[in-house]
Protein backbone atom coordinates (compact mmCIF):
# COMPACT_ATOMS: atom_id res chain seq x y z
CA MET A 1 -97.76 -141.54 -39.14
CA GLY A 2 -98.65 -137.86 -39.09
CA ILE A 3 -97.41 -135.17 -41.46
CA LEU A 4 -95.66 -133.35 -38.59
CA SER A 5 -94.58 -136.38 -36.53
CA GLU A 6 -90.90 -136.17 -37.49
CA LEU A 7 -90.53 -132.48 -36.63
CA GLU A 8 -88.85 -131.31 -33.45
CA PRO A 9 -89.94 -130.80 -30.76
CA LYS A 10 -91.81 -134.00 -31.52
CA ASN A 11 -94.35 -133.78 -28.69
CA VAL A 12 -95.32 -130.20 -29.54
CA PHE A 13 -95.89 -130.89 -33.22
CA THR A 14 -97.69 -134.16 -32.52
CA PHE A 15 -100.19 -132.37 -30.31
CA PHE A 16 -100.48 -129.51 -32.80
CA GLU A 17 -101.36 -131.91 -35.60
CA GLU A 18 -103.91 -133.64 -33.35
CA ILE A 19 -105.53 -130.25 -32.76
CA THR A 20 -105.72 -129.51 -36.50
CA LYS A 21 -107.70 -132.74 -36.98
CA ILE A 22 -110.49 -131.41 -34.74
CA PRO A 23 -112.86 -128.72 -36.07
CA HIS A 24 -112.43 -125.77 -33.71
CA GLY A 25 -113.57 -122.55 -35.32
CA SER A 26 -115.03 -119.96 -32.98
CA GLY A 27 -118.45 -121.07 -31.78
CA ASN A 28 -117.65 -124.69 -32.64
CA VAL A 29 -115.43 -125.66 -29.72
CA GLU A 30 -117.17 -128.57 -27.99
CA GLN A 31 -115.00 -131.25 -29.63
CA ILE A 32 -111.70 -129.53 -28.90
CA SER A 33 -112.79 -128.73 -25.35
CA ASN A 34 -113.70 -132.37 -24.73
CA TYR A 35 -110.38 -133.44 -26.20
CA LEU A 36 -108.57 -131.25 -23.65
CA ALA A 37 -110.67 -132.53 -20.76
CA ASP A 38 -110.05 -136.13 -21.85
CA PHE A 39 -106.32 -135.40 -22.10
CA ALA A 40 -106.30 -134.29 -18.46
CA GLY A 41 -108.41 -137.21 -17.30
CA GLU A 42 -106.16 -139.77 -18.98
CA ARG A 43 -103.17 -138.36 -17.09
CA GLY A 44 -104.88 -137.92 -13.74
CA LEU A 45 -104.51 -134.15 -13.80
CA PHE A 46 -106.88 -131.78 -12.03
CA CYS A 47 -109.28 -130.35 -14.62
CA ILE A 48 -112.25 -128.02 -14.75
CA GLN A 49 -114.38 -127.80 -17.89
CA ASP A 50 -116.98 -125.09 -17.36
CA SER A 51 -120.36 -124.55 -19.00
CA LEU A 52 -118.79 -122.32 -21.67
CA LYS A 53 -116.30 -125.14 -22.46
CA ASN A 54 -113.30 -123.26 -21.07
CA VAL A 55 -110.74 -125.69 -19.68
CA ILE A 56 -108.37 -125.31 -16.71
CA ILE A 57 -105.75 -128.03 -16.14
CA ILE A 58 -103.38 -128.00 -13.17
CA LYS A 59 -100.16 -129.96 -12.71
CA GLU A 60 -98.42 -129.73 -9.36
CA ALA A 61 -94.78 -128.72 -9.05
CA THR A 62 -92.03 -131.27 -9.57
CA PRO A 63 -89.83 -132.13 -6.55
CA GLY A 64 -87.70 -129.18 -5.49
CA TYR A 65 -89.99 -126.60 -7.13
CA GLU A 66 -92.80 -126.60 -4.56
CA GLN A 67 -91.78 -123.20 -3.22
CA GLU A 68 -91.42 -121.55 -6.64
CA PRO A 69 -94.19 -119.15 -7.75
CA ALA A 70 -96.95 -120.92 -9.69
CA VAL A 71 -97.03 -120.12 -13.40
CA ILE A 72 -100.24 -119.66 -15.40
CA LEU A 73 -99.93 -120.68 -19.06
CA GLN A 74 -102.74 -119.26 -21.17
CA GLY A 75 -104.07 -119.48 -24.69
CA HIS A 76 -107.36 -120.03 -26.52
CA MET A 77 -108.70 -123.13 -28.25
CA ASP A 78 -110.73 -121.49 -31.04
CA MET A 79 -109.40 -120.39 -34.42
CA VAL A 80 -110.56 -118.08 -37.20
CA ALA A 81 -111.84 -120.67 -39.66
CA VAL A 82 -111.59 -119.33 -43.22
CA ARG A 83 -111.14 -121.17 -46.49
CA LYS A 84 -110.50 -120.38 -50.13
CA PRO A 85 -113.59 -120.22 -52.37
CA ASP A 86 -112.61 -123.43 -54.18
CA CYS A 87 -111.75 -125.41 -51.03
CA ASP A 88 -114.08 -128.36 -50.37
CA ILE A 89 -113.37 -128.69 -46.62
CA ASP A 90 -116.33 -128.20 -44.30
CA MET A 91 -114.50 -126.50 -41.44
CA LYS A 92 -117.41 -127.08 -39.07
CA LYS A 93 -117.14 -130.84 -39.48
CA GLU A 94 -113.71 -131.67 -40.88
CA GLY A 95 -110.11 -131.24 -39.83
CA LEU A 96 -107.42 -129.37 -41.73
CA ARG A 97 -104.99 -130.65 -44.37
CA VAL A 98 -101.67 -129.59 -42.90
CA ALA A 99 -98.53 -129.53 -45.01
CA VAL A 100 -94.89 -128.52 -44.76
CA ARG A 101 -93.02 -126.18 -47.11
CA GLY A 102 -89.43 -125.58 -46.06
CA ASP A 103 -89.56 -124.05 -42.59
CA GLU A 104 -93.30 -123.38 -42.80
CA ILE A 105 -96.36 -125.33 -41.75
CA TYR A 106 -99.57 -124.36 -43.52
CA ALA A 107 -103.01 -125.76 -44.27
CA GLU A 108 -104.13 -126.50 -47.81
CA GLY A 109 -107.00 -124.21 -48.78
CA THR A 110 -107.75 -122.94 -45.26
CA SER A 111 -106.37 -121.00 -42.34
CA LEU A 112 -104.00 -123.01 -40.16
CA GLY A 113 -105.12 -122.07 -36.67
CA GLY A 114 -101.59 -121.58 -35.41
CA ASP A 115 -103.34 -118.72 -33.66
CA ASP A 116 -103.80 -120.17 -31.13
CA GLY A 117 -103.39 -123.90 -31.65
CA ILE A 118 -99.65 -123.72 -31.06
CA ALA A 119 -100.30 -122.32 -27.57
CA VAL A 120 -102.51 -125.30 -26.77
CA ALA A 121 -99.86 -127.67 -28.17
CA TYR A 122 -97.15 -126.09 -26.01
CA CYS A 123 -99.34 -126.45 -22.92
CA LEU A 124 -100.20 -130.08 -23.63
CA ALA A 125 -96.57 -130.96 -24.29
CA LEU A 126 -95.53 -129.40 -20.97
CA LEU A 127 -98.32 -131.14 -19.08
CA ASP A 128 -97.46 -134.45 -20.75
CA ALA A 129 -93.71 -134.28 -20.16
CA GLY A 130 -92.19 -136.31 -17.35
CA SER A 131 -88.64 -135.00 -17.51
CA ILE A 132 -89.14 -131.21 -17.35
CA ALA A 133 -88.71 -129.56 -13.94
CA HIS A 134 -91.31 -126.89 -13.24
CA PRO A 135 -93.30 -125.04 -10.58
CA ARG A 136 -97.06 -125.56 -10.26
CA LEU A 137 -98.50 -125.18 -13.75
CA GLU A 138 -101.98 -123.72 -14.16
CA VAL A 139 -103.06 -124.03 -17.77
CA VAL A 140 -106.01 -121.87 -18.83
CA ILE A 141 -107.45 -122.52 -22.31
CA THR A 142 -110.39 -120.28 -23.19
CA VAL A 143 -113.09 -120.44 -25.85
CA ASP A 144 -114.21 -117.96 -28.51
CA GLU A 145 -111.38 -115.49 -28.09
CA GLU A 146 -111.62 -114.59 -31.76
CA VAL A 147 -115.24 -113.42 -31.54
CA GLY A 148 -115.13 -111.19 -28.48
CA MET A 149 -113.14 -113.02 -25.80
CA ASP A 150 -116.33 -114.52 -24.43
CA GLY A 151 -114.52 -117.39 -22.73
CA ALA A 152 -112.16 -115.11 -20.82
CA ARG A 153 -115.07 -112.91 -19.86
CA GLY A 154 -117.04 -115.80 -18.35
CA ILE A 155 -114.34 -117.99 -16.82
CA ASP A 156 -113.99 -118.47 -13.05
CA LEU A 157 -110.32 -118.39 -12.03
CA SER A 158 -110.79 -118.69 -8.29
CA VAL A 159 -109.08 -122.12 -8.29
CA LEU A 160 -105.79 -120.58 -9.42
CA LYS A 161 -102.94 -119.76 -7.04
CA GLY A 162 -100.64 -118.09 -9.55
CA HIS A 163 -100.11 -114.36 -10.08
CA ARG A 164 -97.68 -114.71 -12.98
CA MET A 165 -99.09 -115.49 -16.42
CA ILE A 166 -97.41 -116.32 -19.71
CA ASN A 167 -99.89 -115.67 -22.48
CA LEU A 168 -98.98 -117.69 -25.58
CA ASP A 169 -101.04 -115.78 -28.12
CA SER A 170 -98.37 -113.74 -29.90
CA GLU A 171 -96.90 -114.35 -33.33
CA ASP A 172 -93.47 -112.71 -33.36
CA GLU A 173 -90.57 -114.49 -31.70
CA GLY A 174 -88.31 -112.18 -29.73
CA ILE A 175 -91.07 -109.65 -29.09
CA PHE A 176 -92.46 -109.63 -25.56
CA LEU A 177 -95.87 -107.99 -25.43
CA THR A 178 -96.74 -106.21 -22.21
CA SER A 179 -99.87 -104.22 -23.12
CA CYS A 180 -102.59 -104.19 -25.77
CA ALA A 181 -105.60 -102.28 -27.02
CA GLY A 182 -109.14 -102.76 -25.82
CA GLY A 183 -111.94 -103.40 -28.25
CA ALA A 184 -115.58 -104.10 -29.01
CA ARG A 185 -117.84 -105.43 -31.76
CA VAL A 186 -120.41 -103.10 -33.28
CA HIS A 187 -123.29 -104.63 -35.23
CA CYS A 188 -125.09 -102.07 -37.41
CA ASN A 189 -128.50 -102.88 -38.86
CA LEU A 190 -129.98 -100.69 -41.61
CA PRO A 191 -133.59 -101.67 -42.47
CA LEU A 192 -134.20 -101.81 -46.24
CA ASN A 193 -137.40 -102.25 -48.23
CA ARG A 194 -137.83 -104.92 -50.88
CA CYS A 195 -139.78 -104.98 -54.12
CA GLU A 196 -140.34 -107.08 -57.22
CA ARG A 197 -138.27 -105.63 -60.04
CA THR A 198 -137.96 -106.50 -63.71
CA GLY A 199 -134.51 -106.19 -65.16
CA LYS A 200 -131.11 -107.72 -65.68
CA ALA A 201 -129.16 -109.37 -62.84
CA VAL A 202 -125.38 -109.63 -62.65
CA GLU A 203 -123.08 -111.14 -60.06
CA VAL A 204 -120.34 -108.70 -59.04
CA THR A 205 -117.30 -109.96 -57.12
CA LEU A 206 -114.62 -107.75 -55.63
CA GLY A 207 -111.65 -109.94 -54.72
CA GLY A 208 -107.96 -110.69 -55.00
CA LEU A 209 -107.15 -108.85 -51.77
CA LEU A 210 -104.61 -109.96 -49.16
CA GLY A 211 -106.77 -109.33 -46.09
CA GLY A 212 -105.24 -110.07 -42.71
CA HIS A 213 -105.78 -109.59 -38.98
CA SER A 214 -107.65 -106.38 -38.22
CA GLY A 215 -105.32 -105.67 -35.31
CA GLY A 216 -101.97 -106.96 -36.52
CA GLU A 217 -102.29 -105.86 -40.17
CA ILE A 218 -104.58 -102.83 -40.03
CA HIS A 219 -101.59 -100.47 -40.28
CA ARG A 220 -100.71 -101.96 -43.67
CA GLU A 221 -103.83 -100.21 -45.09
CA ARG A 222 -104.76 -103.14 -47.28
CA GLY A 223 -107.96 -103.01 -49.26
CA ASN A 224 -111.20 -103.88 -47.47
CA SER A 225 -113.53 -105.52 -49.99
CA ASN A 226 -116.65 -104.42 -48.10
CA CYS A 227 -115.61 -100.77 -48.13
CA LEU A 228 -114.56 -100.98 -51.76
CA PHE A 229 -117.96 -102.43 -52.62
CA GLY A 230 -119.59 -99.46 -50.89
CA ARG A 231 -117.63 -97.11 -53.14
CA LEU A 232 -118.65 -99.07 -56.24
CA LEU A 233 -122.30 -99.13 -55.18
CA TYR A 234 -122.29 -95.38 -54.61
CA ARG A 235 -120.90 -94.73 -58.09
CA LEU A 236 -123.41 -97.08 -59.70
CA SER A 237 -126.35 -95.62 -57.76
CA ALA A 238 -125.37 -92.14 -58.87
CA LYS A 239 -125.55 -93.26 -62.51
CA MET A 240 -128.70 -95.40 -62.61
CA PRO A 241 -131.41 -97.07 -60.51
CA VAL A 242 -129.70 -100.22 -59.24
CA SER A 243 -131.00 -102.75 -56.69
CA ILE A 244 -129.26 -105.24 -54.41
CA GLN A 245 -130.63 -108.76 -54.68
CA GLU A 246 -127.89 -110.46 -52.63
CA LEU A 247 -124.85 -109.22 -50.76
CA ASN A 248 -122.22 -111.08 -48.74
CA GLY A 249 -118.74 -109.95 -47.78
CA GLY A 250 -116.18 -111.01 -45.20
CA LEU A 251 -116.03 -113.88 -42.74
CA ALA A 252 -115.24 -112.34 -39.33
CA ASP A 253 -115.39 -108.88 -37.80
CA ASN A 254 -111.69 -109.08 -36.85
CA ALA A 255 -110.44 -110.22 -40.28
CA ILE A 256 -109.93 -107.68 -43.07
CA PRO A 257 -112.32 -108.97 -45.76
CA ARG A 258 -110.75 -110.22 -48.95
CA GLU A 259 -113.85 -110.76 -51.07
CA THR A 260 -117.34 -109.30 -51.37
CA ARG A 261 -119.97 -110.73 -53.68
CA ALA A 262 -123.26 -109.13 -54.70
CA ILE A 263 -126.04 -109.73 -57.18
CA LEU A 264 -127.29 -106.41 -58.56
CA VAL A 265 -130.37 -105.75 -60.67
CA PHE A 266 -130.78 -102.86 -63.14
CA GLU A 267 -132.57 -101.94 -66.36
CA GLU A 268 -131.42 -103.70 -69.54
CA ALA A 269 -130.97 -100.28 -71.16
CA ASP A 270 -128.40 -99.33 -68.52
CA ASN A 271 -126.08 -102.27 -69.28
CA ALA A 272 -123.43 -100.27 -71.14
CA GLY A 273 -123.33 -97.59 -68.45
CA PHE A 274 -123.15 -100.22 -65.73
CA MET A 275 -120.18 -102.00 -67.30
CA GLU A 276 -118.41 -98.72 -68.07
CA THR A 277 -118.77 -97.58 -64.43
CA VAL A 278 -117.50 -100.90 -63.06
CA LYS A 279 -114.47 -100.80 -65.36
CA CYS A 280 -113.68 -97.22 -64.40
CA VAL A 281 -113.95 -97.95 -60.66
CA GLU A 282 -111.85 -101.11 -61.02
CA GLU A 283 -109.05 -99.18 -62.73
CA GLU A 284 -109.14 -96.46 -60.06
CA MET A 285 -109.00 -98.97 -57.22
CA GLN A 286 -106.25 -101.02 -58.86
CA ALA A 287 -104.15 -97.87 -59.17
CA GLU A 288 -104.74 -96.97 -55.52
CA LEU A 289 -103.95 -100.49 -54.30
CA ALA A 290 -101.10 -101.29 -56.68
CA SER A 291 -98.42 -101.57 -54.00
CA ARG A 292 -100.64 -102.94 -51.21
CA ASP A 293 -103.03 -105.32 -52.98
CA PRO A 294 -101.72 -105.89 -56.51
CA GLY A 295 -104.15 -108.75 -57.17
CA PHE A 296 -107.37 -106.75 -56.75
CA PHE A 297 -110.09 -107.27 -59.33
CA ILE A 298 -113.80 -106.71 -59.98
CA GLN A 299 -115.50 -109.54 -61.85
CA VAL A 300 -118.95 -109.31 -63.44
CA LYS A 301 -120.98 -112.35 -64.51
CA GLU A 302 -124.37 -112.39 -66.24
CA ASN A 303 -127.09 -113.81 -63.99
CA GLY A 304 -130.10 -113.71 -66.29
CA SER A 305 -133.05 -111.40 -66.87
CA GLY A 306 -136.55 -111.47 -65.43
CA VAL A 307 -138.42 -110.48 -62.28
CA PHE A 308 -136.38 -110.44 -59.06
CA SER A 309 -137.10 -109.87 -55.39
CA CYS A 310 -134.56 -107.23 -54.39
CA ILE A 311 -133.94 -104.08 -52.37
CA THR A 312 -135.63 -101.03 -53.88
CA ALA A 313 -133.41 -98.72 -55.90
CA GLU A 314 -134.12 -95.92 -53.42
CA ASP A 315 -133.02 -98.00 -50.44
CA THR A 316 -130.05 -99.38 -52.35
CA LYS A 317 -128.93 -95.79 -52.78
CA LYS A 318 -129.44 -95.26 -49.05
CA ALA A 319 -127.23 -98.29 -48.37
CA ALA A 320 -124.60 -96.84 -50.71
CA TYR A 321 -124.64 -93.53 -48.84
CA PHE A 322 -124.41 -95.36 -45.52
CA LEU A 323 -121.41 -97.44 -46.61
CA THR A 324 -119.67 -94.41 -48.09
CA ALA A 325 -120.04 -92.43 -44.85
CA LEU A 326 -118.70 -95.17 -42.57
CA PRO A 327 -115.13 -94.81 -41.30
CA ASN A 328 -112.71 -97.72 -41.64
CA GLY A 329 -109.08 -98.51 -40.97
CA VAL A 330 -106.55 -96.57 -38.91
CA GLN A 331 -108.11 -93.56 -37.18
CA ALA A 332 -105.20 -92.45 -34.98
CA MET A 333 -101.58 -93.39 -34.27
CA SER A 334 -100.14 -93.47 -30.78
CA PRO A 335 -98.41 -90.20 -29.81
CA ASP A 336 -96.31 -92.08 -27.24
CA MET A 337 -95.15 -95.17 -29.15
CA PRO A 338 -93.99 -94.46 -32.73
CA GLY A 339 -95.48 -96.85 -35.26
CA LEU A 340 -98.20 -98.17 -32.94
CA VAL A 341 -101.82 -97.80 -34.04
CA GLU A 342 -103.88 -96.21 -31.27
CA THR A 343 -107.41 -96.39 -32.70
CA SER A 344 -108.90 -98.30 -35.64
CA LEU A 345 -111.94 -100.15 -36.90
CA ASN A 346 -112.60 -102.84 -39.47
CA LEU A 347 -115.81 -103.48 -41.44
CA GLY A 348 -115.35 -107.23 -41.36
CA ILE A 349 -118.81 -108.55 -42.30
CA LEU A 350 -121.34 -107.08 -44.72
CA LYS A 351 -124.52 -108.81 -45.83
CA VAL A 352 -128.13 -108.27 -46.79
CA GLU A 353 -130.77 -110.30 -44.96
CA ASP A 354 -134.52 -110.01 -44.53
CA ALA A 355 -133.96 -107.48 -41.72
CA GLY A 356 -131.88 -105.29 -44.02
CA LEU A 357 -128.20 -104.47 -44.35
CA GLN A 358 -125.96 -105.91 -41.63
CA ALA A 359 -122.53 -104.35 -41.08
CA GLU A 360 -120.27 -105.72 -38.35
CA PHE A 361 -117.19 -103.89 -37.09
CA SER A 362 -114.27 -104.65 -34.85
CA VAL A 363 -113.33 -101.43 -33.03
CA ARG A 364 -110.00 -101.16 -31.20
CA SER A 365 -108.17 -98.52 -29.21
CA SER A 366 -105.59 -98.28 -26.46
CA VAL A 367 -107.49 -95.20 -25.23
CA GLU A 368 -110.90 -96.07 -23.78
CA THR A 369 -112.40 -92.64 -24.51
CA ALA A 370 -111.26 -92.81 -28.13
CA LYS A 371 -112.82 -96.26 -28.47
CA ALA A 372 -116.09 -94.94 -27.04
CA ALA A 373 -116.04 -91.93 -29.37
CA LEU A 374 -115.53 -94.13 -32.44
CA ILE A 375 -118.42 -96.37 -31.41
CA GLU A 376 -120.56 -93.27 -30.98
CA LYS A 377 -119.64 -92.15 -34.50
CA LEU A 378 -120.87 -95.48 -35.89
CA GLN A 379 -124.07 -95.13 -33.90
CA VAL A 380 -124.70 -91.60 -35.17
CA ILE A 381 -124.12 -92.50 -38.85
CA THR A 382 -126.33 -95.57 -38.55
CA GLU A 383 -129.13 -93.74 -36.74
CA LEU A 384 -129.06 -90.83 -39.21
CA THR A 385 -129.77 -93.29 -42.01
CA GLY A 386 -132.58 -94.97 -40.08
CA GLY A 387 -130.72 -97.88 -38.53
CA SER A 388 -129.57 -99.03 -35.13
CA CYS A 389 -126.46 -100.50 -33.49
CA VAL A 390 -125.76 -103.25 -30.96
CA ILE A 391 -122.45 -103.24 -29.08
CA SER A 392 -121.08 -106.53 -27.75
CA GLY A 393 -117.84 -108.16 -26.71
CA ASP A 394 -116.49 -104.98 -25.12
CA TYR A 395 -113.16 -105.79 -23.47
CA PRO A 396 -110.62 -103.62 -21.65
CA GLY A 397 -107.10 -102.88 -22.73
CA TRP A 398 -104.13 -104.40 -20.95
CA LYS A 399 -102.11 -101.73 -19.18
CA TYR A 400 -98.32 -101.76 -19.05
CA ARG A 401 -96.94 -102.79 -15.66
CA LYS A 402 -93.90 -100.77 -14.58
CA ASN A 403 -92.80 -103.25 -11.90
CA SER A 404 -92.84 -106.74 -13.41
CA PRO A 405 -90.68 -109.50 -11.85
CA LEU A 406 -91.90 -111.88 -14.57
CA ARG A 407 -90.82 -109.54 -17.36
CA GLU A 408 -87.43 -109.04 -15.73
CA LYS A 409 -86.89 -112.79 -15.38
CA MET A 410 -88.00 -113.46 -18.95
CA THR A 411 -85.90 -110.73 -20.56
CA SER A 412 -82.84 -111.73 -18.53
CA LEU A 413 -83.14 -115.37 -19.60
CA TYR A 414 -83.69 -114.37 -23.23
CA LYS A 415 -80.46 -112.36 -23.23
CA GLU A 416 -78.64 -115.24 -21.56
CA MET A 417 -79.83 -117.68 -24.24
CA TYR A 418 -79.60 -115.50 -27.35
CA GLY A 419 -77.08 -112.78 -26.52
CA GLU A 420 -79.50 -109.89 -27.00
CA MET A 421 -82.49 -108.36 -25.29
CA PRO A 422 -85.97 -109.07 -26.63
CA ARG A 423 -88.11 -106.20 -27.82
CA VAL A 424 -90.69 -105.22 -25.20
CA GLU A 425 -93.70 -103.79 -27.02
CA ALA A 426 -97.39 -103.00 -27.00
CA ILE A 427 -99.78 -104.35 -29.65
CA HIS A 428 -102.88 -102.97 -31.30
CA ALA A 429 -104.54 -106.38 -31.54
CA GLY A 430 -106.56 -107.56 -28.56
CA LEU A 431 -105.37 -110.15 -26.05
CA GLU A 432 -107.19 -111.75 -23.15
CA CYS A 433 -104.68 -110.46 -20.61
CA GLY A 434 -106.74 -107.37 -19.72
CA ILE A 435 -109.88 -109.36 -18.96
CA LEU A 436 -108.02 -112.08 -17.05
CA GLY A 437 -106.08 -109.42 -15.16
CA SER A 438 -109.37 -108.06 -13.83
CA LYS A 439 -110.03 -111.51 -12.30
CA ILE A 440 -106.60 -112.13 -10.72
CA LYS A 441 -105.31 -109.61 -8.21
CA ASP A 442 -101.88 -108.19 -9.04
CA LEU A 443 -101.47 -110.26 -12.21
CA ASP A 444 -97.99 -110.03 -13.74
CA CYS A 445 -98.21 -111.00 -17.41
CA VAL A 446 -96.11 -111.24 -20.57
CA SER A 447 -97.26 -112.51 -23.98
CA ILE A 448 -94.93 -114.44 -26.30
CA GLY A 449 -95.14 -116.87 -29.22
CA PRO A 450 -93.33 -118.27 -32.27
CA ASP A 451 -93.24 -116.64 -35.69
CA MET A 452 -96.52 -116.84 -37.61
CA ARG A 453 -97.49 -114.97 -40.72
CA ASP A 454 -100.83 -113.96 -42.25
CA ILE A 455 -102.91 -115.27 -39.35
CA HIS A 456 -106.69 -115.32 -39.92
CA THR A 457 -106.11 -115.92 -43.65
CA THR A 458 -105.70 -118.92 -45.93
CA GLU A 459 -102.01 -117.97 -46.31
CA GLU A 460 -101.32 -118.44 -42.59
CA THR A 461 -97.99 -120.11 -41.79
CA LEU A 462 -96.15 -121.26 -38.66
CA SER A 463 -92.34 -121.36 -38.51
CA ILE A 464 -90.94 -124.74 -37.48
CA ALA A 465 -87.58 -123.41 -36.30
CA SER A 466 -89.19 -120.61 -34.32
CA THR A 467 -91.61 -123.03 -32.68
CA ARG A 468 -88.64 -125.12 -31.55
CA ARG A 469 -86.76 -122.12 -30.14
CA VAL A 470 -89.78 -120.83 -28.21
CA TRP A 471 -90.27 -124.33 -26.77
CA GLU A 472 -86.66 -124.48 -25.63
CA TYR A 473 -87.04 -121.04 -24.08
CA LEU A 474 -90.23 -122.01 -22.25
CA VAL A 475 -88.62 -125.15 -20.82
CA ARG A 476 -85.59 -123.17 -19.59
CA LEU A 477 -87.86 -120.51 -18.13
CA LEU A 478 -89.86 -123.03 -16.10
CA GLU A 479 -86.72 -124.79 -14.96
CA LYS A 480 -85.05 -121.54 -13.85
CA LYS A 481 -85.54 -120.99 -10.12
CA GLU A 482 -85.92 -117.61 -8.47
CA ASN A 483 -82.67 -116.06 -7.29
């Protein structure tokens, strides 16, 4: 018996738990894709599994609904797979350890993947049900949404008949999303020279941060461990010759990094100055982050003395200058929608490899020209310090549709069921609706979902009660015929 098997709606949570047993981090989707294709085959449903591992499953309308407009249900099968430093789960090979705490479902030591596993569970439960009346259902489950929407970009939707799409990739019940920002990934490479250096090595860890989704939480201005490390490195480099031996921070370009770890090498004689500088910077940062990231810390551990292969002190200083000059976080707020971030970027991954310093950003904006200008700024800063940039995963924003029969039907039903109108909003985070809308003529789309918190982090939770309510709403929506 599963952990979630007694929760209602039973079918939804049973499928969700099955999904959590299958490793499905971005780039590791073959098993989950095959599971979906097998699900369709076992039920005799039409299914396409493409070369990217996207899956389309179609279920024809139930009797009496043949003339109703087909409905596309859409989500993605990959998750942001992150774990706590002391967690022993290999997320590339093992499933999650789901648990229940009050109204919340979470995963022990890892992210939960409610984003977007609950969408897949909803779709499977609807396809599996025999007693729910519905029009033709066209379920589209894409791959690698979390790393650039590559599945949506490459999928062929010519088999679909529908022009109305319910995207199930939102995490706030009662909020209907009708537009979103566009985005891109920017990979900056700064070549750095190495040398053999005699000295003392220490492991420096900046951690204790809350992190979060770089679209949904960027406005909270939480600490970014990679950027904070850049500030520390600049201060150290200004005081003494210091060299980077190792550097690794962040797990995904679209997740605000919570921890950055580096091994730094310096002269034994500079030990007191090094520790004094670290302490001073830690106190400054703790004061700045007191109300946003109260758990922030800088930890220093001795790592021995001797001869080390590391980045030269001169190039370490260049890296410090580079990191200090880079923009990060909210760059502009929307002048038209109070409280909505218009343009932002997140330094999600920072590491030193043989090729040099690698810095990976997620850039977002609801204004295409502003997005392009921010990418150009990153290119200029990188090129001025001797590096280069590669742009990938560029996706368009999703424009608000003034005339939307689907939105009108959905808001009307919501008011009928709950006695109040839902909030119709835009979001700064990226959704696949813009890309899919470029493939389906006259696509009418709304994005909804149950309450989730702290997605893309190890504190991610999914509300049980909200999941039930959204399920009930979806069933009523499909059963409701056009006037």
